[in-house]
Each structure stands twice: as structure tokens, then as C-alpha cells.
N, C-alpha and C. Protein backbone atom coordinates (compact mmCIF):
# COMPACT_ATOMS: atom_id res chain seq x y z
N MET A 1 0.84 -1.18 0.00
CA MET A 1 0.00 0.00 0.00
C MET A 1 0.89 1.24 0.00
N LYS A 2 0.40 2.26 -0.67
CA LYS A 2 1.09 3.55 -0.72
C LYS A 2 0.13 4.60 -0.18
N ILE A 3 0.66 5.56 0.56
CA ILE A 3 -0.14 6.67 1.07
C ILE A 3 0.16 7.90 0.24
N THR A 4 -0.92 8.54 -0.25
CA THR A 4 -0.79 9.76 -1.04
C THR A 4 -1.58 10.87 -0.36
N LEU A 5 -0.94 12.00 -0.20
CA LEU A 5 -1.62 13.21 0.26
C LEU A 5 -1.90 14.03 -0.99
N LEU A 6 -3.17 14.11 -1.37
CA LEU A 6 -3.60 14.81 -2.58
C LEU A 6 -4.12 16.18 -2.18
N VAL A 7 -3.49 17.23 -2.69
CA VAL A 7 -3.84 18.59 -2.28
C VAL A 7 -4.15 19.47 -3.49
N VAL A 8 -5.02 20.45 -3.27
CA VAL A 8 -5.35 21.41 -4.31
C VAL A 8 -4.49 22.66 -4.08
N GLY A 9 -3.66 22.98 -5.04
CA GLY A 9 -2.80 24.16 -4.94
C GLY A 9 -1.49 23.85 -4.25
N ARG A 10 -0.46 24.55 -4.69
CA ARG A 10 0.86 24.31 -4.11
C ARG A 10 0.95 24.89 -2.71
N THR A 11 1.89 24.40 -1.95
CA THR A 11 2.17 24.93 -0.63
C THR A 11 3.11 26.11 -0.82
N ALA A 12 2.65 27.29 -0.46
CA ALA A 12 3.39 28.51 -0.78
C ALA A 12 4.50 28.83 0.21
N ASP A 13 4.28 28.60 1.48
CA ASP A 13 5.22 29.00 2.50
C ASP A 13 6.34 27.96 2.64
N LYS A 14 7.58 28.43 2.55
CA LYS A 14 8.75 27.55 2.61
C LYS A 14 8.81 26.77 3.94
N LEU A 15 8.39 27.41 5.01
CA LEU A 15 8.39 26.75 6.32
C LEU A 15 7.51 25.50 6.28
N TYR A 16 6.31 25.62 5.71
CA TYR A 16 5.41 24.47 5.60
C TYR A 16 5.97 23.44 4.62
N THR A 17 6.48 23.90 3.49
CA THR A 17 7.01 22.99 2.48
C THR A 17 8.10 22.10 3.05
N GLU A 18 9.02 22.69 3.78
CA GLU A 18 10.11 21.91 4.37
C GLU A 18 9.61 20.94 5.43
N GLY A 19 8.67 21.38 6.24
CA GLY A 19 8.12 20.50 7.27
C GLY A 19 7.36 19.32 6.68
N ILE A 20 6.54 19.60 5.68
CA ILE A 20 5.78 18.53 5.03
C ILE A 20 6.72 17.52 4.40
N ARG A 21 7.70 18.02 3.66
CA ARG A 21 8.68 17.14 3.01
C ARG A 21 9.39 16.28 4.04
N ASP A 22 9.82 16.89 5.15
CA ASP A 22 10.55 16.18 6.19
C ASP A 22 9.70 15.06 6.79
N TYR A 23 8.47 15.37 7.18
CA TYR A 23 7.62 14.35 7.80
C TYR A 23 7.23 13.24 6.82
N LEU A 24 6.97 13.59 5.56
CA LEU A 24 6.64 12.55 4.58
C LEU A 24 7.85 11.66 4.30
N GLU A 25 9.04 12.24 4.27
CA GLU A 25 10.25 11.42 4.11
C GLU A 25 10.43 10.48 5.29
N ARG A 26 10.22 11.00 6.50
CA ARG A 26 10.34 10.15 7.70
C ARG A 26 9.33 9.02 7.67
N ALA A 27 8.07 9.36 7.34
CA ALA A 27 7.02 8.33 7.27
C ALA A 27 7.34 7.33 6.16
N GLY A 28 7.99 7.81 5.11
CA GLY A 28 8.35 6.96 3.98
C GLY A 28 9.35 5.87 4.31
N HIS A 29 10.02 5.98 5.45
CA HIS A 29 10.92 4.90 5.89
C HIS A 29 10.11 3.66 6.30
N TYR A 30 8.85 3.87 6.63
CA TYR A 30 7.98 2.78 7.08
C TYR A 30 7.02 2.30 5.99
N MET A 31 6.58 3.25 5.14
CA MET A 31 5.60 2.93 4.10
C MET A 31 5.75 3.99 3.00
N PRO A 32 5.61 3.61 1.74
CA PRO A 32 5.72 4.62 0.68
C PRO A 32 4.69 5.74 0.86
N CYS A 33 5.19 6.98 0.83
CA CYS A 33 4.34 8.17 1.01
C CYS A 33 4.72 9.22 -0.02
N GLU A 34 3.71 9.95 -0.48
CA GLU A 34 3.98 11.03 -1.43
C GLU A 34 2.92 12.11 -1.27
N MET A 35 3.24 13.29 -1.79
CA MET A 35 2.25 14.35 -1.89
C MET A 35 2.07 14.66 -3.36
N GLU A 36 0.83 14.68 -3.79
CA GLU A 36 0.49 15.00 -5.17
C GLU A 36 -0.29 16.31 -5.17
N VAL A 37 0.15 17.25 -6.00
CA VAL A 37 -0.46 18.59 -6.04
C VAL A 37 -1.28 18.76 -7.30
N ILE A 38 -2.54 19.13 -7.11
CA ILE A 38 -3.41 19.51 -8.22
C ILE A 38 -3.27 21.02 -8.37
N PRO A 39 -2.91 21.51 -9.55
CA PRO A 39 -2.74 22.97 -9.70
C PRO A 39 -4.02 23.72 -9.32
N GLU A 40 -3.82 24.86 -8.65
CA GLU A 40 -4.99 25.65 -8.28
C GLU A 40 -5.62 26.25 -9.52
N LEU A 41 -6.91 26.50 -9.43
CA LEU A 41 -7.65 27.06 -10.56
C LEU A 41 -7.17 28.47 -10.85
N LYS A 42 -7.20 28.82 -12.11
CA LYS A 42 -6.85 30.18 -12.53
C LYS A 42 -8.12 30.92 -12.94
N ASN A 43 -8.08 32.22 -12.90
CA ASN A 43 -9.21 33.07 -13.31
C ASN A 43 -10.51 32.70 -12.59
N THR A 44 -10.45 32.67 -11.27
CA THR A 44 -11.62 32.28 -10.48
C THR A 44 -12.49 33.46 -10.07
N ARG A 45 -12.09 34.66 -10.43
CA ARG A 45 -12.81 35.86 -9.99
C ARG A 45 -14.28 35.82 -10.40
N ASN A 46 -14.57 35.25 -11.55
CA ASN A 46 -15.95 35.22 -12.04
C ASN A 46 -16.70 33.94 -11.68
N LEU A 47 -16.06 33.09 -10.85
CA LEU A 47 -16.70 31.84 -10.45
C LEU A 47 -17.25 31.95 -9.03
N SER A 48 -18.43 31.39 -8.80
CA SER A 48 -18.97 31.33 -7.44
C SER A 48 -18.18 30.28 -6.66
N HIS A 49 -18.36 30.26 -5.36
CA HIS A 49 -17.69 29.25 -4.53
C HIS A 49 -18.09 27.84 -4.96
N ASP A 50 -19.38 27.66 -5.24
CA ASP A 50 -19.85 26.34 -5.68
C ASP A 50 -19.22 25.93 -7.01
N GLN A 51 -19.08 26.88 -7.92
CA GLN A 51 -18.45 26.58 -9.21
C GLN A 51 -16.99 26.21 -9.02
N GLN A 52 -16.31 26.89 -8.11
CA GLN A 52 -14.91 26.55 -7.83
C GLN A 52 -14.81 25.14 -7.25
N LYS A 53 -15.72 24.82 -6.31
CA LYS A 53 -15.72 23.47 -5.73
C LYS A 53 -15.95 22.41 -6.80
N GLU A 54 -16.87 22.70 -7.73
CA GLU A 54 -17.16 21.74 -8.80
C GLU A 54 -15.93 21.52 -9.69
N LYS A 55 -15.28 22.60 -10.08
CA LYS A 55 -14.11 22.49 -10.96
C LYS A 55 -12.95 21.79 -10.23
N GLU A 56 -12.72 22.14 -8.97
CA GLU A 56 -11.68 21.45 -8.19
C GLU A 56 -12.05 19.98 -8.01
N GLY A 57 -13.35 19.73 -7.80
CA GLY A 57 -13.81 18.35 -7.63
C GLY A 57 -13.52 17.50 -8.86
N GLU A 58 -13.72 18.08 -10.04
CA GLU A 58 -13.42 17.35 -11.28
C GLU A 58 -11.93 16.98 -11.34
N LEU A 59 -11.08 17.91 -10.91
CA LEU A 59 -9.63 17.64 -10.93
C LEU A 59 -9.25 16.59 -9.88
N ILE A 60 -9.89 16.65 -8.72
CA ILE A 60 -9.63 15.65 -7.68
C ILE A 60 -10.03 14.27 -8.18
N LEU A 61 -11.23 14.16 -8.74
CA LEU A 61 -11.71 12.86 -9.23
C LEU A 61 -10.83 12.33 -10.36
N LYS A 62 -10.34 13.22 -11.19
CA LYS A 62 -9.45 12.83 -12.29
C LYS A 62 -8.11 12.29 -11.74
N ALA A 63 -7.67 12.81 -10.59
CA ALA A 63 -6.39 12.38 -10.00
C ALA A 63 -6.50 11.03 -9.31
N LEU A 64 -7.71 10.63 -8.95
CA LEU A 64 -7.89 9.33 -8.30
C LEU A 64 -7.78 8.22 -9.34
N GLN A 65 -7.14 7.13 -8.93
CA GLN A 65 -6.92 5.99 -9.81
C GLN A 65 -7.84 4.84 -9.41
N PRO A 66 -8.13 3.94 -10.34
CA PRO A 66 -8.94 2.77 -9.98
C PRO A 66 -8.28 2.02 -8.83
N GLY A 67 -9.08 1.64 -7.86
CA GLY A 67 -8.55 0.91 -6.70
C GLY A 67 -8.13 1.81 -5.54
N ASP A 68 -8.07 3.13 -5.76
CA ASP A 68 -7.74 4.05 -4.68
C ASP A 68 -8.84 4.06 -3.63
N VAL A 69 -8.44 4.24 -2.38
CA VAL A 69 -9.38 4.50 -1.30
C VAL A 69 -9.18 5.96 -0.91
N ALA A 70 -10.20 6.78 -1.18
CA ALA A 70 -10.11 8.21 -0.93
C ALA A 70 -10.68 8.55 0.44
N VAL A 71 -9.88 9.30 1.21
CA VAL A 71 -10.27 9.74 2.54
C VAL A 71 -10.16 11.27 2.56
N LEU A 72 -11.27 11.93 2.82
CA LEU A 72 -11.27 13.39 2.83
C LEU A 72 -10.85 13.90 4.20
N LEU A 73 -9.95 14.88 4.21
CA LEU A 73 -9.64 15.58 5.45
C LEU A 73 -10.67 16.70 5.52
N ASP A 74 -11.67 16.49 6.38
CA ASP A 74 -12.88 17.30 6.36
C ASP A 74 -13.32 17.60 7.79
N GLU A 75 -13.78 18.81 8.03
CA GLU A 75 -14.18 19.22 9.37
C GLU A 75 -15.31 18.36 9.95
N HIS A 76 -16.07 17.69 9.10
CA HIS A 76 -17.19 16.86 9.57
C HIS A 76 -16.81 15.39 9.70
N GLY A 77 -15.52 15.09 9.54
CA GLY A 77 -15.08 13.71 9.61
C GLY A 77 -14.88 13.21 11.03
N LYS A 78 -14.50 11.97 11.12
CA LYS A 78 -14.24 11.33 12.42
C LYS A 78 -12.93 11.85 13.00
N GLU A 79 -12.93 12.11 14.29
CA GLU A 79 -11.71 12.52 14.98
C GLU A 79 -11.09 11.31 15.66
N PHE A 80 -9.76 11.27 15.65
CA PHE A 80 -9.01 10.20 16.28
C PHE A 80 -7.98 10.78 17.24
N ARG A 81 -7.66 10.03 18.28
CA ARG A 81 -6.42 10.26 19.01
C ARG A 81 -5.32 9.66 18.13
N SER A 82 -4.08 10.05 18.35
CA SER A 82 -2.99 9.57 17.49
C SER A 82 -2.88 8.05 17.48
N VAL A 83 -3.04 7.43 18.63
CA VAL A 83 -2.95 5.97 18.72
C VAL A 83 -4.09 5.31 17.94
N GLU A 84 -5.28 5.91 17.99
CA GLU A 84 -6.42 5.39 17.24
C GLU A 84 -6.20 5.54 15.74
N PHE A 85 -5.62 6.67 15.34
CA PHE A 85 -5.32 6.88 13.92
C PHE A 85 -4.31 5.84 13.44
N ALA A 86 -3.31 5.56 14.25
CA ALA A 86 -2.31 4.54 13.89
C ALA A 86 -2.99 3.18 13.71
N ALA A 87 -3.89 2.82 14.60
CA ALA A 87 -4.61 1.54 14.48
C ALA A 87 -5.48 1.53 13.22
N TRP A 88 -6.09 2.66 12.90
CA TRP A 88 -6.91 2.78 11.69
C TRP A 88 -6.05 2.55 10.45
N ILE A 89 -4.87 3.18 10.42
CA ILE A 89 -3.93 2.98 9.30
C ILE A 89 -3.53 1.50 9.21
N GLU A 90 -3.26 0.90 10.33
CA GLU A 90 -2.87 -0.52 10.35
C GLU A 90 -3.97 -1.38 9.73
N ARG A 91 -5.23 -1.13 10.07
CA ARG A 91 -6.35 -1.88 9.49
C ARG A 91 -6.40 -1.66 7.98
N LYS A 92 -6.16 -0.43 7.55
CA LYS A 92 -6.21 -0.11 6.12
C LYS A 92 -5.12 -0.85 5.34
N THR A 93 -3.99 -1.13 5.97
CA THR A 93 -2.92 -1.84 5.26
C THR A 93 -3.36 -3.25 4.84
N HIS A 94 -4.38 -3.77 5.52
CA HIS A 94 -4.88 -5.11 5.21
C HIS A 94 -6.02 -5.10 4.19
N THR A 95 -6.59 -3.91 3.94
CA THR A 95 -7.77 -3.86 3.07
C THR A 95 -7.57 -3.01 1.81
N VAL A 96 -6.59 -2.12 1.82
CA VAL A 96 -6.36 -1.24 0.67
C VAL A 96 -5.32 -1.88 -0.24
N GLY A 97 -5.69 -2.03 -1.50
CA GLY A 97 -4.78 -2.67 -2.44
C GLY A 97 -3.65 -1.78 -2.92
N LYS A 98 -4.00 -0.60 -3.44
CA LYS A 98 -2.99 0.25 -4.07
C LYS A 98 -2.67 1.47 -3.22
N ARG A 99 -3.52 2.47 -3.33
CA ARG A 99 -3.22 3.74 -2.66
C ARG A 99 -4.32 4.12 -1.67
N LEU A 100 -3.90 4.57 -0.53
CA LEU A 100 -4.77 5.22 0.44
C LEU A 100 -4.52 6.71 0.23
N VAL A 101 -5.53 7.42 -0.28
CA VAL A 101 -5.36 8.81 -0.70
C VAL A 101 -6.12 9.73 0.26
N PHE A 102 -5.36 10.56 0.96
CA PHE A 102 -5.94 11.57 1.84
C PHE A 102 -6.04 12.86 1.05
N VAL A 103 -7.23 13.46 1.00
CA VAL A 103 -7.48 14.59 0.12
C VAL A 103 -7.72 15.86 0.94
N VAL A 104 -6.96 16.91 0.61
CA VAL A 104 -7.19 18.24 1.16
C VAL A 104 -7.75 19.08 0.02
N GLY A 105 -8.97 19.56 0.19
CA GLY A 105 -9.62 20.31 -0.87
C GLY A 105 -9.17 21.76 -0.90
N GLY A 106 -9.87 22.52 -1.71
CA GLY A 106 -9.59 23.94 -1.83
C GLY A 106 -10.23 24.72 -0.69
N PRO A 107 -10.19 26.05 -0.78
CA PRO A 107 -10.64 26.89 0.32
C PRO A 107 -12.14 26.81 0.63
N TYR A 108 -12.94 26.31 -0.31
CA TYR A 108 -14.38 26.26 -0.08
C TYR A 108 -14.89 24.84 0.16
N GLY A 109 -13.99 23.90 0.32
CA GLY A 109 -14.39 22.54 0.62
C GLY A 109 -14.51 21.67 -0.62
N PHE A 110 -15.29 20.61 -0.48
CA PHE A 110 -15.42 19.60 -1.53
C PHE A 110 -16.76 19.68 -2.24
N SER A 111 -16.76 19.28 -3.49
CA SER A 111 -18.01 19.20 -4.25
C SER A 111 -18.79 17.96 -3.81
N PRO A 112 -20.10 17.94 -4.07
CA PRO A 112 -20.89 16.74 -3.76
C PRO A 112 -20.33 15.48 -4.43
N ALA A 113 -19.80 15.60 -5.64
CA ALA A 113 -19.26 14.43 -6.34
C ALA A 113 -18.04 13.86 -5.61
N VAL A 114 -17.22 14.71 -5.02
CA VAL A 114 -16.05 14.24 -4.27
C VAL A 114 -16.51 13.55 -2.99
N TYR A 115 -17.49 14.15 -2.30
CA TYR A 115 -18.03 13.49 -1.10
C TYR A 115 -18.57 12.11 -1.45
N GLN A 116 -19.22 12.01 -2.58
CA GLN A 116 -19.82 10.74 -2.99
C GLN A 116 -18.74 9.70 -3.32
N ALA A 117 -17.63 10.14 -3.90
CA ALA A 117 -16.56 9.22 -4.30
C ALA A 117 -15.70 8.77 -3.12
N ALA A 118 -15.71 9.53 -2.04
CA ALA A 118 -14.84 9.22 -0.89
C ALA A 118 -15.38 8.04 -0.09
N GLN A 119 -14.46 7.25 0.43
CA GLN A 119 -14.84 6.13 1.27
C GLN A 119 -14.90 6.51 2.75
N ASP A 120 -14.25 7.63 3.11
CA ASP A 120 -14.19 8.01 4.52
C ASP A 120 -13.87 9.48 4.65
N LYS A 121 -14.11 10.03 5.85
CA LYS A 121 -13.77 11.41 6.17
C LYS A 121 -13.11 11.43 7.54
N ILE A 122 -12.03 12.19 7.65
CA ILE A 122 -11.32 12.34 8.92
C ILE A 122 -11.18 13.83 9.21
N SER A 123 -11.38 14.19 10.47
CA SER A 123 -11.15 15.56 10.91
C SER A 123 -9.90 15.58 11.78
N LEU A 124 -9.03 16.54 11.54
CA LEU A 124 -7.82 16.67 12.35
C LEU A 124 -8.09 17.41 13.66
N SER A 125 -9.18 18.17 13.71
CA SER A 125 -9.50 18.94 14.91
C SER A 125 -10.86 19.60 14.71
N LYS A 126 -11.45 20.03 15.81
CA LYS A 126 -12.67 20.83 15.71
C LYS A 126 -12.32 22.27 15.33
N MET A 127 -11.05 22.63 15.49
CA MET A 127 -10.61 23.96 15.10
C MET A 127 -10.42 24.03 13.59
N THR A 128 -10.41 25.24 13.07
CA THR A 128 -10.16 25.45 11.65
C THR A 128 -8.70 25.84 11.45
N PHE A 129 -8.05 25.20 10.48
CA PHE A 129 -6.66 25.50 10.13
C PHE A 129 -6.60 25.92 8.67
N SER A 130 -5.56 26.66 8.32
CA SER A 130 -5.35 26.97 6.91
C SER A 130 -5.05 25.66 6.17
N HIS A 131 -5.29 25.66 4.86
CA HIS A 131 -5.02 24.46 4.07
C HIS A 131 -3.53 24.12 4.09
N GLN A 132 -2.69 25.14 4.19
CA GLN A 132 -1.25 24.92 4.28
C GLN A 132 -0.92 24.18 5.59
N MET A 133 -1.52 24.65 6.68
CA MET A 133 -1.28 24.08 8.00
C MET A 133 -1.80 22.64 8.08
N VAL A 134 -2.96 22.38 7.47
CA VAL A 134 -3.53 21.03 7.48
C VAL A 134 -2.54 20.04 6.89
N ARG A 135 -1.88 20.42 5.83
CA ARG A 135 -0.90 19.54 5.18
C ARG A 135 0.22 19.16 6.13
N LEU A 136 0.72 20.16 6.84
CA LEU A 136 1.81 19.92 7.79
C LEU A 136 1.34 19.08 8.96
N ILE A 137 0.20 19.41 9.53
CA ILE A 137 -0.33 18.65 10.67
C ILE A 137 -0.58 17.21 10.26
N PHE A 138 -1.17 17.01 9.09
CA PHE A 138 -1.43 15.64 8.64
C PHE A 138 -0.13 14.87 8.44
N ALA A 139 0.86 15.49 7.80
CA ALA A 139 2.14 14.80 7.57
C ALA A 139 2.78 14.40 8.89
N GLU A 140 2.71 15.28 9.89
CA GLU A 140 3.27 14.94 11.20
C GLU A 140 2.50 13.80 11.83
N GLN A 141 1.19 13.81 11.75
CA GLN A 141 0.38 12.74 12.33
C GLN A 141 0.60 11.41 11.61
N LEU A 142 0.83 11.46 10.33
CA LEU A 142 1.14 10.25 9.58
C LEU A 142 2.47 9.66 10.06
N TYR A 143 3.47 10.51 10.20
CA TYR A 143 4.76 10.05 10.73
C TYR A 143 4.58 9.49 12.15
N ARG A 144 3.83 10.19 12.97
CA ARG A 144 3.59 9.73 14.34
C ARG A 144 2.92 8.35 14.32
N ALA A 145 1.94 8.17 13.45
CA ALA A 145 1.25 6.88 13.34
C ALA A 145 2.23 5.77 12.96
N MET A 146 3.12 6.06 12.03
CA MET A 146 4.11 5.06 11.61
C MET A 146 5.02 4.68 12.78
N THR A 147 5.44 5.66 13.57
CA THR A 147 6.32 5.35 14.70
C THR A 147 5.57 4.58 15.79
N ILE A 148 4.29 4.88 15.97
CA ILE A 148 3.48 4.12 16.93
C ILE A 148 3.40 2.66 16.49
N LEU A 149 3.12 2.44 15.21
CA LEU A 149 2.98 1.08 14.69
C LEU A 149 4.28 0.29 14.73
N HIS A 150 5.41 0.99 14.69
CA HIS A 150 6.72 0.32 14.67
C HIS A 150 7.49 0.52 15.97
N ASN A 151 6.77 0.91 17.02
CA ASN A 151 7.37 1.09 18.36
C ASN A 151 8.57 2.02 18.36
N GLY A 152 8.49 3.08 17.57
CA GLY A 152 9.56 4.07 17.55
C GLY A 152 9.49 4.99 18.76
N PRO A 153 10.54 5.74 18.99
CA PRO A 153 10.61 6.57 20.19
C PRO A 153 9.89 7.93 20.07
N TYR A 154 9.34 8.25 18.92
CA TYR A 154 8.78 9.58 18.68
C TYR A 154 7.55 9.88 19.54
N HIS A 155 6.64 8.92 19.65
CA HIS A 155 5.38 9.14 20.38
C HIS A 155 5.50 8.65 21.81
N HIS A 156 4.99 9.46 22.73
CA HIS A 156 5.00 9.08 24.17
C HIS A 156 3.58 9.09 24.69
N GLU A 157 3.23 8.09 25.44
CA GLU A 157 1.90 8.02 26.07
C GLU A 157 1.90 8.80 27.36
């Protein structure tokens, strides 16, 4: 199984970019991990929020491959403690054939078609974070989950 973090728009801040890269590389020592970037939409000034969600949704669905299990990082998703998230990942390693794809949408959320295509939704917190921050927090939690599953020294109870 491979884990893919699928995001809409590039990560602009160098601080976040370096942190995301570092945590995904660390997690990659345990399981193949990557971040795939869908280019942000251009000329959106004349588009409503719903139209932007629809267009981003089309790009997200196009990026998904047959056999992928799509998990939306969404404020209405299930919340986990880190140990619970690690156990969830462990279960997925037995049921996901190719890619477990965690999706971070654009600034206005996901289109109905993306919600319909997703197999699951996870929330990182009840708080709201920037999309840039969500990427970093998720990458760190993924690395933490890998160290929990492999009895590494990173996570402490």
C-alpha cells in the first residue's frame, strides 16, 4: 500500500514545504508516502464558490486511480487520538490494495461528487486551520502513526 496526500494548490510557505517534506520522508521509511499537487484554478474571480468546488472536484476525481481508497480531510469527519489513527492505518494496510489517498480540498471545501466518491472522512480537529497548515499537521500525524505502529521513540503516552 502507498499513502498519497492529494492537495489542491501548491504549498506557498517555505516553512510548511520543508516540514511537510521532512515528515513525509520520515514516514516513507515505514511505508511509501507522497504528496500530489493539483494545480490551483486560474481566473476564479468570475466563479462562485460552488463553481470553484465543482471544478476542483473534477480535478480531484481525475487524479484518483482505480482501486484508490479516498479519505477526505474534512471538518465533519471522524476525529481520532494519534494511537487510534495509527490503528486505523494498520487496518487499512490489510484492506487497501494500491493507494490510500488523503485529500485536502480547496478553500471552499469539496463538491458533492467528491463526497460521494470518498470512502471516509477524517477531521484533524474541531478547530479550523489553513489548508497549508492542514498539510503539515497531517504529515506529522502520519509520521507519528508510523512510529506508533513500529514502536519508535517519537510518540509518548
